[in-house]
Amino acid sequence: MTETEKLTKQRNLVAAAFNAIEDKSLRLAMNAEDNEKKLADAFGELLDFI
């Protein structure tokens, strides 16, 4: 394997890792937003009940 091929493979692995981290971060952010909405809805229902 040439040096260029090694560097290309390394670059591809780093890019794949970055994409996986970015995807997970986006999913966590969306889940947090959904949880925040659910919490706000539950709190609203609690206030309505009181």
C-alpha atoms as a PDB file:
ATOM      1  CA  MET A   1       0.000   0.000   0.000  1.00  0.00           C
ATOM      2  CA  THR A   2       1.454   3.345  -0.977  1.00  0.00           C
ATOM      3  CA  GLU A   3       1.660   6.327   1.328  1.00  0.00           C
ATOM      4  CA  THR A   4      -1.098   8.046  -0.663  1.00  0.00           C
ATOM      5  CA  GLU A   5      -3.379   5.031  -0.273  1.00  0.00           C
ATOM      6  CA  LYS A   6      -2.712   4.952   3.481  1.00  0.00           C
ATOM      7  CA  LEU A   7      -3.500   8.646   3.802  1.00  0.00           C
ATOM      8  CA  THR A   8      -6.645   8.251   1.719  1.00  0.00           C
ATOM      9  CA  LYS A   9      -7.787   5.360   3.912  1.00  0.00           C
ATOM     10  CA  GLN A  10      -7.081   7.394   7.058  1.00  0.00           C
ATOM     11  CA  ARG A  11      -8.973  10.375   5.653  1.00  0.00           C
ATOM     12  CA  ASN A  12     -11.952   8.165   4.802  1.00  0.00           C
ATOM     13  CA  LEU A  13     -11.994   6.662   8.300  1.00  0.00           C
ATOM     14  CA  VAL A  14     -11.842  10.087   9.926  1.00  0.00           C
ATOM     15  CA  ALA A  15     -14.633  11.338   7.650  1.00  0.00           C
ATOM     16  CA  ALA A  16     -16.787   8.309   8.494  1.00  0.00           C
ATOM     17  CA  ALA A  17     -16.208   8.820  12.217  1.00  0.00           C
ATOM     18  CA  PHE A  18     -17.059  12.507  11.943  1.00  0.00           C
ATOM     19  CA  ASN A  19     -20.260  11.713  10.041  1.00  0.00           C
ATOM     20  CA  ALA A  20     -21.288   9.157  12.661  1.00  0.00           C
ATOM     21  CA  ILE A  21     -20.680  11.641  15.491  1.00  0.00           C
ATOM     22  CA  GLU A  22     -22.549  14.380  13.650  1.00  0.00           C
ATOM     23  CA  ASP A  23     -25.509  12.066  12.996  1.00  0.00           C
ATOM     24  CA  LYS A  24     -25.654  10.987  16.637  1.00  0.00           C
ATOM     25  CA  SER A  25     -25.446  14.620  17.787  1.00  0.00           C
ATOM     26  CA  LEU A  26     -28.339  15.602  15.534  1.00  0.00           C
ATOM     27  CA  ARG A  27     -30.464  12.712  16.799  1.00  0.00           C
ATOM     28  CA  LEU A  28     -29.692  13.598  20.413  1.00  0.00           C
ATOM     29  CA  ALA A  29     -30.613  17.237  19.766  1.00  0.00           C
ATOM     30  CA  MET A  30     -33.915  16.222  18.162  1.00  0.00           C
ATOM     31  CA  ASN A  31     -34.686  13.864  21.063  1.00  0.00           C
ATOM     32  CA  ALA A  32     -33.905  16.605  23.572  1.00  0.00           C
ATOM     33  CA  GLU A  33     -36.234  18.977  21.727  1.00  0.00           C
ATOM     34  CA  ASP A  34     -38.994  16.343  21.703  1.00  0.00           C
ATOM     35  CA  ASN A  35     -38.479  15.698  25.414  1.00  0.00           C
ATOM     36  CA  GLU A  36     -38.629  19.421  26.134  1.00  0.00           C
ATOM     37  CA  LYS A  37     -41.944  19.680  24.276  1.00  0.00           C
ATOM     38  CA  LYS A  38     -43.355  16.673  26.147  1.00  0.00           C
ATOM     39  CA  LEU A  39     -42.256  18.159  29.462  1.00  0.00           C
ATOM     40  CA  ALA A  40     -43.839  21.509  28.590  1.00  0.00           C
ATOM     41  CA  ASP A  41     -47.078  19.765  27.599  1.00  0.00           C
ATOM     42  CA  ALA A  42     -47.117  17.772  30.838  1.00  0.00           C
ATOM     43  CA  PHE A  43     -46.448  20.907  32.871  1.00  0.00           C
ATOM     44  CA  GLY A  44     -49.254  22.695  31.027  1.00  0.00           C
ATOM     45  CA  GLU A  45     -51.627  19.851  31.818  1.00  0.00           C
ATOM     46  CA  LEU A  46     -50.554  20.001  35.462  1.00  0.00           C
ATOM     47  CA  LEU A  47     -51.260  23.734  35.589  1.00  0.00           C
ATOM     48  CA  ASP A  48     -54.643  23.141  33.967  1.00  0.00           C
ATOM     49  CA  PHE A  49     -55.395  20.515  36.595  1.00  0.00           C
ATOM     50  CA  ILE A  50     -54.468  22.846  39.438  1.00  0.00           C
END
